[in-house]
Amino acid sequence: MIEAETMKFLAENKDSILAIAAIGALVMTALTAVMSLFGAITAKKIDEKIKRQEAIRVLIEDGMIGMGESIQGILSAADILLTKYGIEVHQNDPSLNSSIKKYKTIIGNHKKHLMKAKTIYRYKLYGIEDGLSIITRCTDWIQGLKDDIPLARKMLKEADKIRLIVDKEIIKCYRKGDYPSSVTRWRLVYHSWKIKKMRQG
């Protein structure tokens, strides 16, 4: 009895059932197309991300070692220079002035390298260049603080904090293949401001 009623229902509603089946097939086809499109877009984004990460790593590899050496070198030379400033020798002894001139030259050489690096990283690793800029400016200011060694030491200490931030951020950027974070940029701005404030008194 039930089977007969079912057959009768199917016979009477055959067209409707076929229409529903056709709609179902269209919906499945549409869903498949959407999923395929979504998969293609996702794959493209992943591919673009990988390419961007590799480009950033190559950029950092090209100058990472040299830049790191120059940052360390310029601050070390500034530290030695301040030590030289505090040495008292006989006025007829030219060795101290010669040594001071030597370290000023070393600072100048490292500064040239960092200024070049600043230009390279200005847009590609936005934010890092601010750290490089204030380090070079700070060592310039320190050279003129022969009569205020304590202030020069404070500025140098703050510049070394910037060095540590830049070092860690570059390593992080290399590992992740990503750009500097906004947090790092603000930290560099803050420490740069502190150095400028010290200089202004």
C-alpha atoms as a PDB file:
ATOM      1  CA  MET A   1       0.000   0.000   0.000  1.00  0.00           C
ATOM      2  CA  ILE A   2       2.777   2.417   0.965  1.00  0.00           C
ATOM      3  CA  GLU A   3       4.831   1.507  -2.106  1.00  0.00           C
ATOM      4  CA  ALA A   4       1.824   2.130  -4.356  1.00  0.00           C
ATOM      5  CA  GLU A   5       1.246   5.539  -2.808  1.00  0.00           C
ATOM      6  CA  THR A   6       4.934   6.380  -3.149  1.00  0.00           C
ATOM      7  CA  MET A   7       4.961   5.403  -6.812  1.00  0.00           C
ATOM      8  CA  LYS A   8       1.813   7.430  -7.399  1.00  0.00           C
ATOM      9  CA  PHE A   9       3.403  10.466  -5.667  1.00  0.00           C
ATOM     10  CA  LEU A  10       6.566  10.149  -7.732  1.00  0.00           C
ATOM     11  CA  ALA A  11       4.584   9.814 -10.942  1.00  0.00           C
ATOM     12  CA  GLU A  12       2.451  12.855 -10.175  1.00  0.00           C
ATOM     13  CA  ASN A  13       5.446  15.006  -9.164  1.00  0.00           C
ATOM     14  CA  LYS A  14       8.011  13.723 -11.637  1.00  0.00           C
ATOM     15  CA  ASP A  15       8.641  17.105 -13.219  1.00  0.00           C
ATOM     16  CA  SER A  16       9.068  18.832  -9.866  1.00  0.00           C
ATOM     17  CA  ILE A  17      11.457  16.157  -8.665  1.00  0.00           C
ATOM     18  CA  LEU A  18      13.523  16.407 -11.831  1.00  0.00           C
ATOM     19  CA  ALA A  19      13.606  20.183 -11.481  1.00  0.00           C
ATOM     20  CA  ILE A  20      14.808  19.901  -7.855  1.00  0.00           C
ATOM     21  CA  ALA A  21      17.462  17.402  -8.911  1.00  0.00           C
ATOM     22  CA  ALA A  22      18.615  19.732 -11.679  1.00  0.00           C
ATOM     23  CA  ILE A  23      18.782  22.653  -9.254  1.00  0.00           C
ATOM     24  CA  GLY A  24      20.757  20.485  -6.837  1.00  0.00           C
ATOM     25  CA  ALA A  25      23.193  19.588  -9.595  1.00  0.00           C
ATOM     26  CA  LEU A  26      23.573  23.265 -10.518  1.00  0.00           C
ATOM     27  CA  VAL A  27      24.160  24.211  -6.884  1.00  0.00           C
ATOM     28  CA  MET A  28      26.840  21.524  -6.520  1.00  0.00           C
ATOM     29  CA  THR A  29      28.470  22.670  -9.752  1.00  0.00           C
ATOM     30  CA  ALA A  30      28.438  26.269  -8.524  1.00  0.00           C
ATOM     31  CA  LEU A  31      29.868  25.264  -5.138  1.00  0.00           C
ATOM     32  CA  THR A  32      32.592  23.280  -6.843  1.00  0.00           C
ATOM     33  CA  ALA A  33      33.457  26.263  -9.036  1.00  0.00           C
ATOM     34  CA  VAL A  34      33.527  28.603  -6.037  1.00  0.00           C
ATOM     35  CA  MET A  35      35.739  26.216  -4.055  1.00  0.00           C
ATOM     36  CA  SER A  36      38.060  25.850  -7.038  1.00  0.00           C
ATOM     37  CA  LEU A  37      38.278  29.631  -7.405  1.00  0.00           C
ATOM     38  CA  PHE A  38      38.893  30.046  -3.669  1.00  0.00           C
ATOM     39  CA  GLY A  39      41.595  27.378  -3.822  1.00  0.00           C
ATOM     40  CA  ALA A  40      43.256  29.102  -6.777  1.00  0.00           C
ATOM     41  CA  ILE A  41      43.196  32.501  -5.018  1.00  0.00           C
ATOM     42  CA  THR A  42      44.569  30.992  -1.805  1.00  0.00           C
ATOM     43  CA  ALA A  43      47.326  29.190  -3.701  1.00  0.00           C
ATOM     44  CA  LYS A  44      48.223  32.424  -5.505  1.00  0.00           C
ATOM     45  CA  LYS A  45      48.380  34.338  -2.224  1.00  0.00           C
ATOM     46  CA  ILE A  46      50.581  31.667  -0.669  1.00  0.00           C
ATOM     47  CA  ASP A  47      52.855  31.751  -3.707  1.00  0.00           C
ATOM     48  CA  GLU A  48      53.075  35.551  -3.565  1.00  0.00           C
ATOM     49  CA  LYS A  49      53.837  35.411   0.159  1.00  0.00           C
ATOM     50  CA  ILE A  50      56.629  32.883  -0.395  1.00  0.00           C
ATOM     51  CA  LYS A  51      58.114  35.036  -3.167  1.00  0.00           C
ATOM     52  CA  ARG A  52      57.925  38.128  -0.954  1.00  0.00           C
ATOM     53  CA  GLN A  53      59.583  36.280   1.916  1.00  0.00           C
ATOM     54  CA  GLU A  54      62.395  35.115  -0.345  1.00  0.00           C
ATOM     55  CA  ALA A  55      62.852  38.641  -1.751  1.00  0.00           C
ATOM     56  CA  ILE A  56      63.139  40.062   1.771  1.00  0.00           C
ATOM     57  CA  ARG A  57      65.612  37.367   2.793  1.00  0.00           C
ATOM     58  CA  VAL A  58      67.764  38.033  -0.273  1.00  0.00           C
ATOM     59  CA  LEU A  59      67.682  41.766   0.451  1.00  0.00           C
ATOM     60  CA  ILE A  60      68.746  41.225   4.053  1.00  0.00           C
ATOM     61  CA  GLU A  61      71.414  38.670   3.117  1.00  0.00           C
ATOM     62  CA  ASP A  62      73.011  41.133   0.710  1.00  0.00           C
ATOM     63  CA  GLY A  63      73.754  43.688   3.417  1.00  0.00           C
ATOM     64  CA  MET A  64      73.065  42.124   6.794  1.00  0.00           C
ATOM     65  CA  ILE A  65      76.633  41.202   7.754  1.00  0.00           C
ATOM     66  CA  GLY A  66      78.224  44.431   6.524  1.00  0.00           C
ATOM     67  CA  MET A  67      75.570  46.586   8.136  1.00  0.00           C
ATOM     68  CA  GLY A  68      75.840  44.750  11.446  1.00  0.00           C
ATOM     69  CA  GLU A  69      79.608  45.156  11.441  1.00  0.00           C
ATOM     70  CA  SER A  70      79.310  48.874  10.693  1.00  0.00           C
ATOM     71  CA  ILE A  71      76.771  49.458  13.478  1.00  0.00           C
ATOM     72  CA  GLN A  72      78.990  47.634  15.972  1.00  0.00           C
ATOM     73  CA  GLY A  73      82.107  49.263  14.571  1.00  0.00           C
ATOM     74  CA  ILE A  74      80.857  52.848  14.704  1.00  0.00           C
ATOM     75  CA  LEU A  75      79.647  52.520  18.309  1.00  0.00           C
ATOM     76  CA  SER A  76      82.824  50.766  19.427  1.00  0.00           C
ATOM     77  CA  ALA A  77      84.943  53.477  17.804  1.00  0.00           C
ATOM     78  CA  ALA A  78      82.835  56.165  19.499  1.00  0.00           C
ATOM     79  CA  ASP A  79      83.310  54.430  22.850  1.00  0.00           C
ATOM     80  CA  ILE A  80      87.084  54.297  22.395  1.00  0.00           C
ATOM     81  CA  LEU A  81      87.064  57.937  21.268  1.00  0.00           C
ATOM     82  CA  LEU A  82      85.385  58.987  24.510  1.00  0.00           C
ATOM     83  CA  THR A  83      88.035  57.092  26.441  1.00  0.00           C
ATOM     84  CA  LYS A  84      90.718  58.926  24.468  1.00  0.00           C
ATOM     85  CA  TYR A  85      89.052  62.250  25.276  1.00  0.00           C
ATOM     86  CA  GLY A  86      89.517  61.544  28.970  1.00  0.00           C
ATOM     87  CA  ILE A  87      93.237  60.821  28.729  1.00  0.00           C
ATOM     88  CA  GLU A  88      95.635  63.541  29.782  1.00  0.00           C
ATOM     89  CA  VAL A  89      99.095  63.573  28.204  1.00  0.00           C
ATOM     90  CA  HIS A  90     101.921  66.009  27.897  1.00  0.00           C
ATOM     91  CA  GLN A  91     101.041  68.835  25.513  1.00  0.00           C
ATOM     92  CA  ASN A  92     104.060  68.024  23.356  1.00  0.00           C
ATOM     93  CA  ASP A  93     102.967  64.383  22.857  1.00  0.00           C
ATOM     94  CA  PRO A  94     101.238  64.143  19.450  1.00  0.00           C
ATOM     95  CA  SER A  95     100.292  60.470  19.792  1.00  0.00           C
ATOM     96  CA  LEU A  96      96.930  61.100  21.497  1.00  0.00           C
ATOM     97  CA  ASN A  97      95.727  63.586  18.877  1.00  0.00           C
ATOM     98  CA  SER A  98      96.836  61.177  16.178  1.00  0.00           C
ATOM     99  CA  SER A  99      94.880  58.361  17.825  1.00  0.00           C
ATOM    100  CA  ILE A 100      91.775  60.548  18.203  1.00  0.00           C
ATOM    101  CA  LYS A 101      91.969  61.457  14.542  1.00  0.00           C
ATOM    102  CA  LYS A 102      92.260  57.767  13.668  1.00  0.00           C
ATOM    103  CA  TYR A 103      89.041  56.847  15.490  1.00  0.00           C
ATOM    104  CA  LYS A 104      87.191  59.812  14.019  1.00  0.00           C
ATOM    105  CA  THR A 105      88.172  58.482  10.599  1.00  0.00           C
ATOM    106  CA  ILE A 106      86.909  55.008  11.529  1.00  0.00           C
ATOM    107  CA  ILE A 107      83.601  56.524  12.631  1.00  0.00           C
ATOM    108  CA  GLY A 108      83.393  58.422   9.338  1.00  0.00           C
ATOM    109  CA  ASN A 109      84.006  55.278   7.282  1.00  0.00           C
ATOM    110  CA  HIS A 110      81.333  53.296   9.096  1.00  0.00           C
ATOM    111  CA  LYS A 111      78.970  56.243   8.773  1.00  0.00           C
ATOM    112  CA  LYS A 112      79.298  56.182   4.963  1.00  0.00           C
ATOM    113  CA  HIS A 113      78.366  52.490   4.905  1.00  0.00           C
ATOM    114  CA  LEU A 114      75.366  53.008   7.197  1.00  0.00           C
ATOM    115  CA  MET A 115      74.096  55.978   5.203  1.00  0.00           C
ATOM    116  CA  LYS A 116      74.214  53.825   2.085  1.00  0.00           C
ATOM    117  CA  ALA A 117      72.368  51.046   3.913  1.00  0.00           C
ATOM    118  CA  LYS A 118      69.782  53.580   5.062  1.00  0.00           C
ATOM    119  CA  THR A 119      69.034  54.471   1.453  1.00  0.00           C
ATOM    120  CA  ILE A 120      68.699  50.802   0.486  1.00  0.00           C
ATOM    121  CA  TYR A 121      66.404  49.852   3.359  1.00  0.00           C
ATOM    122  CA  ARG A 122      64.355  53.051   3.409  1.00  0.00           C
ATOM    123  CA  TYR A 123      61.379  51.620   1.556  1.00  0.00           C
ATOM    124  CA  LYS A 124      62.066  47.896   1.606  1.00  0.00           C
ATOM    125  CA  LEU A 125      62.455  47.627   5.384  1.00  0.00           C
ATOM    126  CA  TYR A 126      60.620  50.752   6.451  1.00  0.00           C
ATOM    127  CA  GLY A 127      61.459  51.846   9.984  1.00  0.00           C
ATOM    128  CA  ILE A 128      64.931  50.338  10.246  1.00  0.00           C
ATOM    129  CA  GLU A 129      66.477  53.345   8.493  1.00  0.00           C
ATOM    130  CA  ASP A 130      65.440  55.571  11.416  1.00  0.00           C
ATOM    131  CA  GLY A 131      67.632  53.495  13.698  1.00  0.00           C
ATOM    132  CA  LEU A 132      70.591  53.706  11.336  1.00  0.00           C
ATOM    133  CA  SER A 133      70.124  57.454  10.952  1.00  0.00           C
ATOM    134  CA  ILE A 134      70.100  58.263  14.669  1.00  0.00           C
ATOM    135  CA  ILE A 135      73.134  56.039  15.317  1.00  0.00           C
ATOM    136  CA  THR A 136      75.196  57.957  12.756  1.00  0.00           C
ATOM    137  CA  ARG A 137      73.952  61.329  14.014  1.00  0.00           C
ATOM    138  CA  CYS A 138      74.624  60.348  17.601  1.00  0.00           C
ATOM    139  CA  THR A 139      78.250  59.466  16.857  1.00  0.00           C
ATOM    140  CA  ASP A 140      78.615  62.824  15.095  1.00  0.00           C
ATOM    141  CA  TRP A 141      77.302  64.645  18.158  1.00  0.00           C
ATOM    142  CA  ILE A 142      79.511  62.597  20.500  1.00  0.00           C
ATOM    143  CA  GLN A 143      82.627  63.750  18.655  1.00  0.00           C
ATOM    144  CA  GLY A 144      81.807  67.296  19.692  1.00  0.00           C
ATOM    145  CA  LEU A 145      81.269  66.463  23.373  1.00  0.00           C
ATOM    146  CA  LYS A 146      84.899  66.336  24.465  1.00  0.00           C
ATOM    147  CA  ASP A 147      84.068  68.629  27.378  1.00  0.00           C
ATOM    148  CA  ASP A 148      80.963  66.691  28.461  1.00  0.00           C
ATOM    149  CA  ILE A 149      81.932  63.013  28.566  1.00  0.00           C
ATOM    150  CA  PRO A 150      79.072  61.990  30.938  1.00  0.00           C
ATOM    151  CA  LEU A 151      76.467  63.277  28.469  1.00  0.00           C
ATOM    152  CA  ALA A 152      78.264  61.602  25.588  1.00  0.00           C
ATOM    153  CA  ARG A 153      78.252  58.307  27.526  1.00  0.00           C
ATOM    154  CA  LYS A 154      74.503  58.553  28.119  1.00  0.00           C
ATOM    155  CA  MET A 155      73.858  59.191  24.434  1.00  0.00           C
ATOM    156  CA  LEU A 156      76.102  56.305  23.455  1.00  0.00           C
ATOM    157  CA  LYS A 157      74.280  53.981  25.856  1.00  0.00           C
ATOM    158  CA  GLU A 158      70.953  54.922  24.274  1.00  0.00           C
ATOM    159  CA  ALA A 159      72.405  54.427  20.796  1.00  0.00           C
ATOM    160  CA  ASP A 160      73.484  50.925  21.805  1.00  0.00           C
ATOM    161  CA  LYS A 161      69.885  50.147  22.784  1.00  0.00           C
ATOM    162  CA  ILE A 162      68.889  51.135  19.269  1.00  0.00           C
ATOM    163  CA  ARG A 163      71.588  48.816  17.906  1.00  0.00           C
ATOM    164  CA  LEU A 164      70.115  45.892  19.848  1.00  0.00           C
ATOM    165  CA  ILE A 165      66.595  46.664  18.600  1.00  0.00           C
ATOM    166  CA  VAL A 166      67.788  46.881  14.982  1.00  0.00           C
ATOM    167  CA  ASP A 167      69.825  43.658  15.289  1.00  0.00           C
ATOM    168  CA  LYS A 168      66.915  41.667  16.724  1.00  0.00           C
ATOM    169  CA  GLU A 169      64.426  43.048  14.219  1.00  0.00           C
ATOM    170  CA  ILE A 170      66.609  42.273  11.216  1.00  0.00           C
ATOM    171  CA  ILE A 171      67.120  38.700  12.428  1.00  0.00           C
ATOM    172  CA  LYS A 172      63.354  38.359  12.952  1.00  0.00           C
ATOM    173  CA  CYS A 173      62.646  39.799   9.496  1.00  0.00           C
ATOM    174  CA  TYR A 174      65.078  37.333   7.957  1.00  0.00           C
ATOM    175  CA  ARG A 175      63.621  34.310   9.735  1.00  0.00           C
ATOM    176  CA  LYS A 176      60.018  35.216   8.985  1.00  0.00           C
ATOM    177  CA  GLY A 177      60.651  36.829   5.609  1.00  0.00           C
ATOM    178  CA  ASP A 178      58.577  39.780   6.727  1.00  0.00           C
ATOM    179  CA  TYR A 179      58.819  43.540   7.233  1.00  0.00           C
ATOM    180  CA  PRO A 180      59.668  45.298  10.527  1.00  0.00           C
ATOM    181  CA  SER A 181      56.764  45.506  12.952  1.00  0.00           C
ATOM    182  CA  SER A 182      55.081  48.778  13.874  1.00  0.00           C
ATOM    183  CA  VAL A 183      56.051  48.131  17.513  1.00  0.00           C
ATOM    184  CA  THR A 184      59.733  48.122  16.551  1.00  0.00           C
ATOM    185  CA  ARG A 185      59.342  51.309  14.536  1.00  0.00           C
ATOM    186  CA  TRP A 186      57.790  53.092  17.524  1.00  0.00           C
ATOM    187  CA  ARG A 187      60.531  51.804  19.838  1.00  0.00           C
ATOM    188  CA  LEU A 188      63.152  53.258  17.508  1.00  0.00           C
ATOM    189  CA  VAL A 189      61.280  56.559  17.356  1.00  0.00           C
ATOM    190  CA  TYR A 190      61.163  56.667  21.156  1.00  0.00           C
ATOM    191  CA  HIS A 191      64.876  55.991  21.693  1.00  0.00           C
ATOM    192  CA  SER A 192      65.766  58.423  18.906  1.00  0.00           C
ATOM    193  CA  TRP A 193      63.696  61.069  20.653  1.00  0.00           C
ATOM    194  CA  LYS A 194      65.554  60.402  23.920  1.00  0.00           C
ATOM    195  CA  ILE A 195      68.932  60.969  22.247  1.00  0.00           C
ATOM    196  CA  LYS A 196      67.753  64.191  20.580  1.00  0.00           C
ATOM    197  CA  LYS A 197      66.354  65.412  23.893  1.00  0.00           C
ATOM    198  CA  MET A 198      69.702  64.727  25.601  1.00  0.00           C
ATOM    199  CA  ARG A 199      71.490  66.751  22.947  1.00  0.00           C
ATOM    200  CA  GLN A 200      69.093  69.659  23.340  1.00  0.00           C
ATOM    201  CA  GLY A 201      69.609  69.601  27.103  1.00  0.00           C
END
